[in-house]
Amino acid sequence: MRAILFALLCLLPIAASAQGRNCAPREVVIKRLADKYGESRQSVGIGGQGVVMETFASTETGTWTITVTMPNGMTCLVASGQSFEVLAETLPDGDPT
């Protein structure tokens, strides 16, 4: 999970540079994801400098969206796709490092 979060946070400069095209106030993005795609928040993580990464998905249709919200309230779409599944995997035995 940390590797995924790190990779997503590396995309922040890309998301910020595309702000006019892929970003909007958080309330607008959340409403659109719910109304148009039936997606609700499935996970959340806090990154550096107050950045919030969230995964939204529809368990009915399988669509998913990853967003990054900046401290100023702007939310940017980072990735989206299909075939979302909820997993509850256990850690392998041994040293986790």
PDB file of N, CA and C in Angstrom:
ATOM      1  N   MET A   1       0.827  -1.193   0.000  1.00  0.00           N
ATOM      2  CA  MET A   1       0.000   0.000   0.000  1.00  0.00           C
ATOM      3  C   MET A   1       0.871   1.255   0.000  1.00  0.00           C
ATOM      4  N   ARG A   2       1.968   1.230   0.758  1.00  0.00           N
ATOM      5  CA  ARG A   2       2.847   2.400   0.785  1.00  0.00           C
ATOM      6  C   ARG A   2       3.450   2.667  -0.585  1.00  0.00           C
ATOM      7  N   ALA A   3       3.776   1.601  -1.302  1.00  0.00           N
ATOM      8  CA  ALA A   3       4.347   1.770  -2.638  1.00  0.00           C
ATOM      9  C   ALA A   3       3.336   2.419  -3.575  1.00  0.00           C
ATOM     10  N   ILE A   4       2.084   2.015  -3.456  1.00  0.00           N
ATOM     11  CA  ILE A   4       1.040   2.615  -4.294  1.00  0.00           C
ATOM     12  C   ILE A   4       0.864   4.082  -3.941  1.00  0.00           C
ATOM     13  N   LEU A   5       0.804   4.377  -2.646  1.00  0.00           N
ATOM     14  CA  LEU A   5       0.645   5.767  -2.216  1.00  0.00           C
ATOM     15  C   LEU A   5       1.823   6.606  -2.692  1.00  0.00           C
ATOM     16  N   PHE A   6       3.046   6.081  -2.569  1.00  0.00           N
ATOM     17  CA  PHE A   6       4.224   6.804  -3.036  1.00  0.00           C
ATOM     18  C   PHE A   6       4.127   7.093  -4.529  1.00  0.00           C
ATOM     19  N   ALA A   7       3.716   6.086  -5.295  1.00  0.00           N
ATOM     20  CA  ALA A   7       3.595   6.276  -6.747  1.00  0.00           C
ATOM     21  C   ALA A   7       2.562   7.346  -7.065  1.00  0.00           C
ATOM     22  N   LEU A   8       1.461   7.327  -6.347  1.00  0.00           N
ATOM     23  CA  LEU A   8       0.421   8.327  -6.595  1.00  0.00           C
ATOM     24  C   LEU A   8       0.889   9.727  -6.223  1.00  0.00           C
ATOM     25  N   LEU A   9       1.613   9.822  -5.112  1.00  0.00           N
ATOM     26  CA  LEU A   9       2.101  11.135  -4.703  1.00  0.00           C
ATOM     27  C   LEU A   9       3.134  11.673  -5.678  1.00  0.00           C
ATOM     28  N   CYS A  10       3.838  10.786  -6.357  1.00  0.00           N
ATOM     29  CA  CYS A  10       4.775  11.220  -7.397  1.00  0.00           C
ATOM     30  C   CYS A  10       4.036  11.857  -8.573  1.00  0.00           C
ATOM     31  N   LEU A  11       2.758  11.518  -8.705  1.00  0.00           N
ATOM     32  CA  LEU A  11       1.956  12.069  -9.793  1.00  0.00           C
ATOM     33  C   LEU A  11       1.397  13.457  -9.475  1.00  0.00           C
ATOM     34  N   LEU A  12       1.585  13.928  -8.251  1.00  0.00           N
ATOM     35  CA  LEU A  12       1.032  15.229  -7.871  1.00  0.00           C
ATOM     36  C   LEU A  12       1.436  16.365  -8.804  1.00  0.00           C
ATOM     37  N   PRO A  13       2.700  16.463  -9.206  1.00  0.00           N
ATOM     38  CA  PRO A  13       3.025  17.550 -10.134  1.00  0.00           C
ATOM     39  C   PRO A  13       2.231  17.452 -11.431  1.00  0.00           C
ATOM     40  N   ILE A  14       1.980  16.250 -11.899  1.00  0.00           N
ATOM     41  CA  ILE A  14       1.182  16.065 -13.119  1.00  0.00           C
ATOM     42  C   ILE A  14      -0.242  16.521 -12.870  1.00  0.00           C
ATOM     43  N   ALA A  15      -0.811  16.102 -11.736  1.00  0.00           N
ATOM     44  CA  ALA A  15      -2.182  16.495 -11.416  1.00  0.00           C
ATOM     45  C   ALA A  15      -2.290  18.008 -11.256  1.00  0.00           C
ATOM     46  N   ALA A  16      -1.303  18.601 -10.602  1.00  0.00           N
ATOM     47  CA  ALA A  16      -1.339  20.045 -10.405  1.00  0.00           C
ATOM     48  C   ALA A  16      -1.232  20.790 -11.726  1.00  0.00           C
ATOM     49  N   SER A  17      -0.414  20.293 -12.646  1.00  0.00           N
ATOM     50  CA  SER A  17      -0.261  20.989 -13.919  1.00  0.00           C
ATOM     51  C   SER A  17      -1.497  20.851 -14.797  1.00  0.00           C
ATOM     52  N   ALA A  18      -2.288  19.824 -14.539  1.00  0.00           N
ATOM     53  CA  ALA A  18      -3.518  19.611 -15.320  1.00  0.00           C
ATOM     54  C   ALA A  18      -4.733  20.141 -14.580  1.00  0.00           C
ATOM     55  N   GLN A  19      -4.529  21.027 -13.627  1.00  0.00           N
ATOM     56  CA  GLN A  19      -5.584  21.459 -12.729  1.00  0.00           C
ATOM     57  C   GLN A  19      -6.821  21.970 -13.456  1.00  0.00           C
ATOM     58  N   GLY A  20      -6.685  22.712 -14.522  1.00  0.00           N
ATOM     59  CA  GLY A  20      -7.846  23.233 -15.225  1.00  0.00           C
ATOM     60  C   GLY A  20      -8.682  22.144 -15.869  1.00  0.00           C
ATOM     61  N   ARG A  21      -8.085  21.032 -16.208  1.00  0.00           N
ATOM     62  CA  ARG A  21      -8.775  19.975 -16.935  1.00  0.00           C
ATOM     63  C   ARG A  21      -9.301  18.871 -16.027  1.00  0.00           C
ATOM     64  N   ASN A  22      -8.542  18.469 -15.012  1.00  0.00           N
ATOM     65  CA  ASN A  22      -8.880  17.314 -14.200  1.00  0.00           C
ATOM     66  C   ASN A  22      -9.143  17.623 -12.739  1.00  0.00           C
ATOM     67  N   CYS A  23      -9.277  18.881 -12.375  1.00  0.00           N
ATOM     68  CA  CYS A  23      -9.451  19.258 -10.979  1.00  0.00           C
ATOM     69  C   CYS A  23     -10.670  20.145 -10.794  1.00  0.00           C
ATOM     70  N   ALA A  24     -11.253  20.051  -9.610  1.00  0.00           N
ATOM     71  CA  ALA A  24     -12.407  20.881  -9.243  1.00  0.00           C
ATOM     72  C   ALA A  24     -12.502  20.868  -7.726  1.00  0.00           C
ATOM     73  N   PRO A  25     -13.327  21.732  -7.144  1.00  0.00           N
ATOM     74  CA  PRO A  25     -13.518  21.667  -5.694  1.00  0.00           C
ATOM     75  C   PRO A  25     -13.991  20.262  -5.288  1.00  0.00           C
ATOM     76  N   ARG A  26     -13.540  19.794  -4.133  1.00  0.00           N
ATOM     77  CA  ARG A  26     -13.800  18.425  -3.694  1.00  0.00           C
ATOM     78  C   ARG A  26     -15.290  18.080  -3.730  1.00  0.00           C
ATOM     79  N   GLU A  27     -16.126  18.974  -3.252  1.00  0.00           N
ATOM     80  CA  GLU A  27     -17.566  18.701  -3.208  1.00  0.00           C
ATOM     81  C   GLU A  27     -18.125  18.399  -4.600  1.00  0.00           C
ATOM     82  N   VAL A  28     -17.634  19.103  -5.599  1.00  0.00           N
ATOM     83  CA  VAL A  28     -18.089  18.913  -6.982  1.00  0.00           C
ATOM     84  C   VAL A  28     -17.660  17.541  -7.494  1.00  0.00           C
ATOM     85  N   VAL A  29     -16.410  17.167  -7.219  1.00  0.00           N
ATOM     86  CA  VAL A  29     -15.887  15.881  -7.686  1.00  0.00           C
ATOM     87  C   VAL A  29     -16.637  14.729  -7.022  1.00  0.00           C
ATOM     88  N   ILE A  30     -16.820  14.805  -5.704  1.00  0.00           N
ATOM     89  CA  ILE A  30     -17.503  13.734  -4.966  1.00  0.00           C
ATOM     90  C   ILE A  30     -18.924  13.551  -5.476  1.00  0.00           C
ATOM     91  N   LYS A  31     -19.625  14.641  -5.686  1.00  0.00           N
ATOM     92  CA  LYS A  31     -21.002  14.569  -6.177  1.00  0.00           C
ATOM     93  C   LYS A  31     -21.054  13.952  -7.574  1.00  0.00           C
ATOM     94  N   ARG A  32     -20.150  14.354  -8.439  1.00  0.00           N
ATOM     95  CA  ARG A  32     -20.135  13.800  -9.803  1.00  0.00           C
ATOM     96  C   ARG A  32     -19.818  12.305  -9.805  1.00  0.00           C
ATOM     97  N   LEU A  33     -18.855  11.895  -8.999  1.00  0.00           N
ATOM     98  CA  LEU A  33     -18.529  10.472  -8.926  1.00  0.00           C
ATOM     99  C   LEU A  33     -19.724   9.659  -8.416  1.00  0.00           C
ATOM    100  N   ALA A  34     -20.444  10.207  -7.466  1.00  0.00           N
ATOM    101  CA  ALA A  34     -21.622   9.511  -6.928  1.00  0.00           C
ATOM    102  C   ALA A  34     -22.774   9.508  -7.929  1.00  0.00           C
ATOM    103  N   ASP A  35     -23.071  10.672  -8.491  1.00  0.00           N
ATOM    104  CA  ASP A  35     -24.235  10.798  -9.384  1.00  0.00           C
ATOM    105  C   ASP A  35     -24.037  10.092 -10.719  1.00  0.00           C
ATOM    106  N   LYS A  36     -22.869  10.263 -11.317  1.00  0.00           N
ATOM    107  CA  LYS A  36     -22.652   9.724 -12.663  1.00  0.00           C
ATOM    108  C   LYS A  36     -22.191   8.265 -12.669  1.00  0.00           C
ATOM    109  N   TYR A  37     -21.383   7.875 -11.661  1.00  0.00           N
ATOM    110  CA  TYR A  37     -20.778   6.552 -11.670  1.00  0.00           C
ATOM    111  C   TYR A  37     -21.209   5.663 -10.505  1.00  0.00           C
ATOM    112  N   GLY A  38     -21.948   6.211  -9.549  1.00  0.00           N
ATOM    113  CA  GLY A  38     -22.370   5.433  -8.389  1.00  0.00           C
ATOM    114  C   GLY A  38     -21.219   5.062  -7.473  1.00  0.00           C
ATOM    115  N   GLU A  39     -20.147   5.856  -7.497  1.00  0.00           N
ATOM    116  CA  GLU A  39     -18.961   5.554  -6.706  1.00  0.00           C
ATOM    117  C   GLU A  39     -19.011   6.225  -5.338  1.00  0.00           C
ATOM    118  N   SER A  40     -18.530   5.505  -4.341  1.00  0.00           N
ATOM    119  CA  SER A  40     -18.387   6.042  -2.991  1.00  0.00           C
ATOM    120  C   SER A  40     -16.966   5.773  -2.510  1.00  0.00           C
ATOM    121  N   ARG A  41     -16.563   6.471  -1.463  1.00  0.00           N
ATOM    122  CA  ARG A  41     -15.181   6.345  -0.982  1.00  0.00           C
ATOM    123  C   ARG A  41     -14.949   4.962  -0.390  1.00  0.00           C
ATOM    124  N   GLN A  42     -13.878   4.321  -0.834  1.00  0.00           N
ATOM    125  CA  GLN A  42     -13.516   2.983  -0.372  1.00  0.00           C
ATOM    126  C   GLN A  42     -12.259   2.976   0.482  1.00  0.00           C
ATOM    127  N   SER A  43     -11.364   3.956   0.254  1.00  0.00           N
ATOM    128  CA  SER A  43     -10.139   4.032   1.055  1.00  0.00           C
ATOM    129  C   SER A  43      -9.616   5.460   1.045  1.00  0.00           C
ATOM    130  N   VAL A  44      -8.763   5.758   2.018  1.00  0.00           N
ATOM    131  CA  VAL A  44      -8.199   7.097   2.148  1.00  0.00           C
ATOM    132  C   VAL A  44      -6.802   6.982   2.743  1.00  0.00           C
ATOM    133  N   GLY A  45      -5.910   7.891   2.351  1.00  0.00           N
ATOM    134  CA  GLY A  45      -4.558   7.945   2.906  1.00  0.00           C
ATOM    135  C   GLY A  45      -4.068   9.386   2.932  1.00  0.00           C
ATOM    136  N   ILE A  46      -3.236   9.694   3.901  1.00  0.00           N
ATOM    137  CA  ILE A  46      -2.684  11.042   4.040  1.00  0.00           C
ATOM    138  C   ILE A  46      -1.244  11.035   3.541  1.00  0.00           C
ATOM    139  N   GLY A  47      -0.937  11.949   2.657  1.00  0.00           N
ATOM    140  CA  GLY A  47       0.412  12.093   2.139  1.00  0.00           C
ATOM    141  C   GLY A  47       1.102  13.295   2.746  1.00  0.00           C
ATOM    142  N   GLY A  48       2.275  13.561   2.250  1.00  0.00           N
ATOM    143  CA  GLY A  48       3.039  14.701   2.723  1.00  0.00           C
ATOM    144  C   GLY A  48       2.361  16.020   2.406  1.00  0.00           C
ATOM    145  N   GLN A  49       2.630  17.014   3.213  1.00  0.00           N
ATOM    146  CA  GLN A  49       2.143  18.376   3.026  1.00  0.00           C
ATOM    147  C   GLN A  49       0.621  18.464   3.006  1.00  0.00           C
ATOM    148  N   GLY A  50      -0.057  17.565   3.738  1.00  0.00           N
ATOM    149  CA  GLY A  50      -1.503  17.642   3.887  1.00  0.00           C
ATOM    150  C   GLY A  50      -2.304  17.156   2.697  1.00  0.00           C
ATOM    151  N   VAL A  51      -1.694  16.421   1.794  1.00  0.00           N
ATOM    152  CA  VAL A  51      -2.389  15.897   0.621  1.00  0.00           C
ATOM    153  C   VAL A  51      -3.170  14.644   1.021  1.00  0.00           C
ATOM    154  N   VAL A  52      -4.406  14.526   0.533  1.00  0.00           N
ATOM    155  CA  VAL A  52      -5.246  13.369   0.833  1.00  0.00           C
ATOM    156  C   VAL A  52      -5.493  12.586  -0.447  1.00  0.00           C
ATOM    157  N   MET A  53      -5.178  11.274  -0.415  1.00  0.00           N
ATOM    158  CA  MET A  53      -5.430  10.391  -1.549  1.00  0.00           C
ATOM    159  C   MET A  53      -6.644   9.540  -1.188  1.00  0.00           C
ATOM    160  N   GLU A  54      -7.606   9.446  -2.122  1.00  0.00           N
ATOM    161  CA  GLU A  54      -8.808   8.658  -1.882  1.00  0.00           C
ATOM    162  C   GLU A  54      -9.099   7.766  -3.080  1.00  0.00           C
ATOM    163  N   THR A  55      -9.647   6.604  -2.788  1.00  0.00           N
ATOM    164  CA  THR A  55     -10.125   5.716  -3.832  1.00  0.00           C
ATOM    165  C   THR A  55     -11.641   5.653  -3.725  1.00  0.00           C
ATOM    166  N   PHE A  56     -12.318   5.914  -4.831  1.00  0.00           N
ATOM    167  CA  PHE A  56     -13.769   5.814  -4.918  1.00  0.00           C
ATOM    168  C   PHE A  56     -14.088   4.663  -5.858  1.00  0.00           C
ATOM    169  N   ALA A  57     -15.146   3.927  -5.571  1.00  0.00           N
ATOM    170  CA  ALA A  57     -15.497   2.811  -6.442  1.00  0.00           C
ATOM    171  C   ALA A  57     -16.975   2.473  -6.289  1.00  0.00           C
ATOM    172  N   SER A  58     -17.481   1.814  -7.306  1.00  0.00           N
ATOM    173  CA  SER A  58     -18.836   1.265  -7.281  1.00  0.00           C
ATOM    174  C   SER A  58     -18.719  -0.247  -7.200  1.00  0.00           C
ATOM    175  N   THR A  59     -19.262  -0.830  -6.141  1.00  0.00           N
ATOM    176  CA  THR A  59     -19.232  -2.282  -6.011  1.00  0.00           C
ATOM    177  C   THR A  59     -20.223  -2.941  -6.965  1.00  0.00           C
ATOM    178  N   GLU A  60     -21.146  -2.172  -7.502  1.00  0.00           N
ATOM    179  CA  GLU A  60     -22.122  -2.715  -8.451  1.00  0.00           C
ATOM    180  C   GLU A  60     -21.567  -2.776  -9.869  1.00  0.00           C
ATOM    181  N   THR A  61     -20.928  -1.682 -10.322  1.00  0.00           N
ATOM    182  CA  THR A  61     -20.443  -1.632 -11.711  1.00  0.00           C
ATOM    183  C   THR A  61     -18.963  -1.973 -11.841  1.00  0.00           C
ATOM    184  N   GLY A  62     -18.219  -1.859 -10.726  1.00  0.00           N
ATOM    185  CA  GLY A  62     -16.785  -2.136 -10.761  1.00  0.00           C
ATOM    186  C   GLY A  62     -15.926  -0.963 -11.184  1.00  0.00           C
ATOM    187  N   THR A  63     -16.528   0.210 -11.452  1.00  0.00           N
ATOM    188  CA  THR A  63     -15.708   1.369 -11.818  1.00  0.00           C
ATOM    189  C   THR A  63     -15.004   1.898 -10.574  1.00  0.00           C
ATOM    190  N   TRP A  64     -13.831   2.511 -10.787  1.00  0.00           N
ATOM    191  CA  TRP A  64     -13.084   3.091  -9.681  1.00  0.00           C
ATOM    192  C   TRP A  64     -12.363   4.355 -10.133  1.00  0.00           C
ATOM    193  N   THR A  65     -12.090   5.237  -9.167  1.00  0.00           N
ATOM    194  CA  THR A  65     -11.387   6.493  -9.422  1.00  0.00           C
ATOM    195  C   THR A  65     -10.469   6.784  -8.247  1.00  0.00           C
ATOM    196  N   ILE A  66      -9.241   7.192  -8.538  1.00  0.00           N
ATOM    197  CA  ILE A  66      -8.317   7.636  -7.496  1.00  0.00           C
ATOM    198  C   ILE A  66      -8.190   9.153  -7.611  1.00  0.00           C
ATOM    199  N   THR A  67      -8.372   9.836  -6.486  1.00  0.00           N
ATOM    200  CA  THR A  67      -8.275  11.290  -6.452  1.00  0.00           C
ATOM    201  C   THR A  67      -7.201  11.717  -5.461  1.00  0.00           C
ATOM    202  N   VAL A  68      -6.705  12.928  -5.657  1.00  0.00           N
ATOM    203  CA  VAL A  68      -5.792  13.570  -4.728  1.00  0.00           C
ATOM    204  C   VAL A  68      -6.372  14.943  -4.422  1.00  0.00           C
ATOM    205  N   THR A  69      -6.546  15.221  -3.132  1.00  0.00           N
ATOM    206  CA  THR A  69      -7.072  16.520  -2.712  1.00  0.00           C
ATOM    207  C   THR A  69      -5.959  17.317  -2.054  1.00  0.00           C
ATOM    208  N   MET A  70      -5.778  18.532  -2.550  1.00  0.00           N
ATOM    209  CA  MET A  70      -4.754  19.437  -2.033  1.00  0.00           C
ATOM    210  C   MET A  70      -5.293  20.154  -0.789  1.00  0.00           C
ATOM    211  N   PRO A  71      -4.425  20.722   0.029  1.00  0.00           N
ATOM    212  CA  PRO A  71      -4.874  21.452   1.215  1.00  0.00           C
ATOM    213  C   PRO A  71      -5.828  22.605   0.900  1.00  0.00           C
ATOM    214  N   ASN A  72      -5.791  23.126  -0.323  1.00  0.00           N
ATOM    215  CA  ASN A  72      -6.680  24.237  -0.681  1.00  0.00           C
ATOM    216  C   ASN A  72      -8.083  23.761  -1.067  1.00  0.00           C
ATOM    217  N   GLY A  73      -8.334  22.433  -1.002  1.00  0.00           N
ATOM    218  CA  GLY A  73      -9.668  21.910  -1.292  1.00  0.00           C
ATOM    219  C   GLY A  73      -9.884  21.470  -2.729  1.00  0.00           C
ATOM    220  N   MET A  74      -8.892  21.698  -3.588  1.00  0.00           N
ATOM    221  CA  MET A  74      -9.021  21.247  -4.973  1.00  0.00           C
ATOM    222  C   MET A  74      -8.716  19.757  -5.049  1.00  0.00           C
ATOM    223  N   THR A  75      -9.591  19.023  -5.750  1.00  0.00           N
ATOM    224  CA  THR A  75      -9.428  17.586  -5.919  1.00  0.00           C
ATOM    225  C   THR A  75      -9.116  17.303  -7.376  1.00  0.00           C
ATOM    226  N   CYS A  76      -8.084  16.493  -7.605  1.00  0.00           N
ATOM    227  CA  CYS A  76      -7.669  16.145  -8.960  1.00  0.00           C
ATOM    228  C   CYS A  76      -7.847  14.650  -9.191  1.00  0.00           C
ATOM    229  N   LEU A  77      -8.313  14.311 -10.390  1.00  0.00           N
ATOM    230  CA  LEU A  77      -8.443  12.914 -10.777  1.00  0.00           C
ATOM    231  C   LEU A  77      -7.070  12.420 -11.202  1.00  0.00           C
ATOM    232  N   VAL A  78      -6.621  11.314 -10.610  1.00  0.00           N
ATOM    233  CA  VAL A  78      -5.302  10.770 -10.896  1.00  0.00           C
ATOM    234  C   VAL A  78      -5.406   9.568 -11.816  1.00  0.00           C
ATOM    235  N   ALA A  79      -6.385   8.697 -11.566  1.00  0.00           N
ATOM    236  CA  ALA A  79      -6.551   7.490 -12.377  1.00  0.00           C
ATOM    237  C   ALA A  79      -7.981   6.988 -12.231  1.00  0.00           C
ATOM    238  N   SER A  80      -8.418   6.211 -13.209  1.00  0.00           N
ATOM    239  CA  SER A  80      -9.735   5.586 -13.136  1.00  0.00           C
ATOM    240  C   SER A  80      -9.719   4.318 -13.967  1.00  0.00           C
ATOM    241  N   GLY A  81     -10.688   3.455 -13.709  1.00  0.00           N
ATOM    242  CA  GLY A  81     -10.728   2.207 -14.451  1.00  0.00           C
ATOM    243  C   GLY A  81     -11.932   1.365 -14.105  1.00  0.00           C
ATOM    244  N   GLN A  82     -11.817   0.082 -14.383  1.00  0.00           N
ATOM    245  CA  GLN A  82     -12.910  -0.869 -14.184  1.00  0.00           C
ATOM    246  C   GLN A  82     -12.413  -2.078 -13.408  1.00  0.00           C
ATOM    247  N   SER A  83     -13.335  -2.935 -13.045  1.00  0.00           N
ATOM    248  CA  SER A  83     -13.048  -4.210 -12.362  1.00  0.00           C
ATOM    249  C   SER A  83     -12.514  -4.024 -10.949  1.00  0.00           C
ATOM    250  N   PHE A  84     -13.078  -3.094 -10.200  1.00  0.00           N
ATOM    251  CA  PHE A  84     -12.694  -2.884  -8.807  1.00  0.00           C
ATOM    252  C   PHE A  84     -13.114  -4.086  -7.973  1.00  0.00           C
ATOM    253  N   GLU A  85     -12.225  -4.517  -7.078  1.00  0.00           N
ATOM    254  CA  GLU A  85     -12.513  -5.601  -6.144  1.00  0.00           C
ATOM    255  C   GLU A  85     -11.983  -5.233  -4.768  1.00  0.00           C
ATOM    256  N   VAL A  86     -12.716  -5.602  -3.746  1.00  0.00           N
ATOM    257  CA  VAL A  86     -12.256  -5.414  -2.371  1.00  0.00           C
ATOM    258  C   VAL A  86     -11.453  -6.648  -1.984  1.00  0.00           C
ATOM    259  N   LEU A  87     -10.238  -6.430  -1.464  1.00  0.00           N
ATOM    260  CA  LEU A  87      -9.369  -7.526  -1.051  1.00  0.00           C
ATOM    261  C   LEU A  87      -9.061  -7.419   0.438  1.00  0.00           C
ATOM    262  N   ALA A  88      -8.921  -8.542   1.073  1.00  0.00           N
ATOM    263  CA  ALA A  88      -8.510  -8.589   2.482  1.00  0.00           C
ATOM    264  C   ALA A  88      -7.368  -9.603   2.567  1.00  0.00           C
ATOM    265  N   GLU A  89      -6.238  -9.239   2.008  1.00  0.00           N
ATOM    266  CA  GLU A  89      -5.085 -10.141   1.975  1.00  0.00           C
ATOM    267  C   GLU A  89      -4.320 -10.074   3.291  1.00  0.00           C
ATOM    268  N   THR A  90      -3.780 -11.211   3.694  1.00  0.00           N
ATOM    269  CA  THR A  90      -2.941 -11.251   4.872  1.00  0.00           C
ATOM    270  C   THR A  90      -1.491 -11.067   4.452  1.00  0.00           C
ATOM    271  N   LEU A  91      -0.702 -10.569   5.380  1.00  0.00           N
ATOM    272  CA  LEU A  91       0.727 -10.388   5.130  1.00  0.00           C
ATOM    273  C   LEU A  91       1.406 -11.751   5.088  1.00  0.00           C
ATOM    274  N   PRO A  92       2.417 -11.898   4.236  1.00  0.00           N
ATOM    275  CA  PRO A  92       3.151 -13.173   4.219  1.00  0.00           C
ATOM    276  C   PRO A  92       3.958 -13.338   5.495  1.00  0.00           C
ATOM    277  N   ASP A  93       4.243 -14.581   5.860  1.00  0.00           N
ATOM    278  CA  ASP A  93       5.070 -14.864   7.026  1.00  0.00           C
ATOM    279  C   ASP A  93       6.491 -14.387   6.764  1.00  0.00           C
ATOM    280  N   GLY A  94       7.154 -13.943   7.811  1.00  0.00           N
ATOM    281  CA  GLY A  94       8.552 -13.555   7.667  1.00  0.00           C
ATOM    282  C   GLY A  94       8.747 -12.079   7.911  1.00  0.00           C
ATOM    283  N   ASP A  95       9.919 -11.620   7.562  1.00  0.00           N
ATOM    284  CA  ASP A  95      10.332 -10.233   7.756  1.00  0.00           C
ATOM    285  C   ASP A  95       9.596  -9.327   6.766  1.00  0.00           C
ATOM    286  N   PRO A  96       8.830  -8.318   7.254  1.00  0.00           N
ATOM    287  CA  PRO A  96       8.067  -7.456   6.348  1.00  0.00           C
ATOM    288  C   PRO A  96       8.895  -6.442   5.587  1.00  0.00           C
ATOM    289  N   THR A  97      10.200  -6.375   5.823  1.00  0.00           N
ATOM    290  CA  THR A  97      11.015  -5.366   5.120  1.00  0.00           C
ATOM    291  C   THR A  97      11.599  -5.873   3.857  1.00  0.00           C
TER     292      THR A  97
END
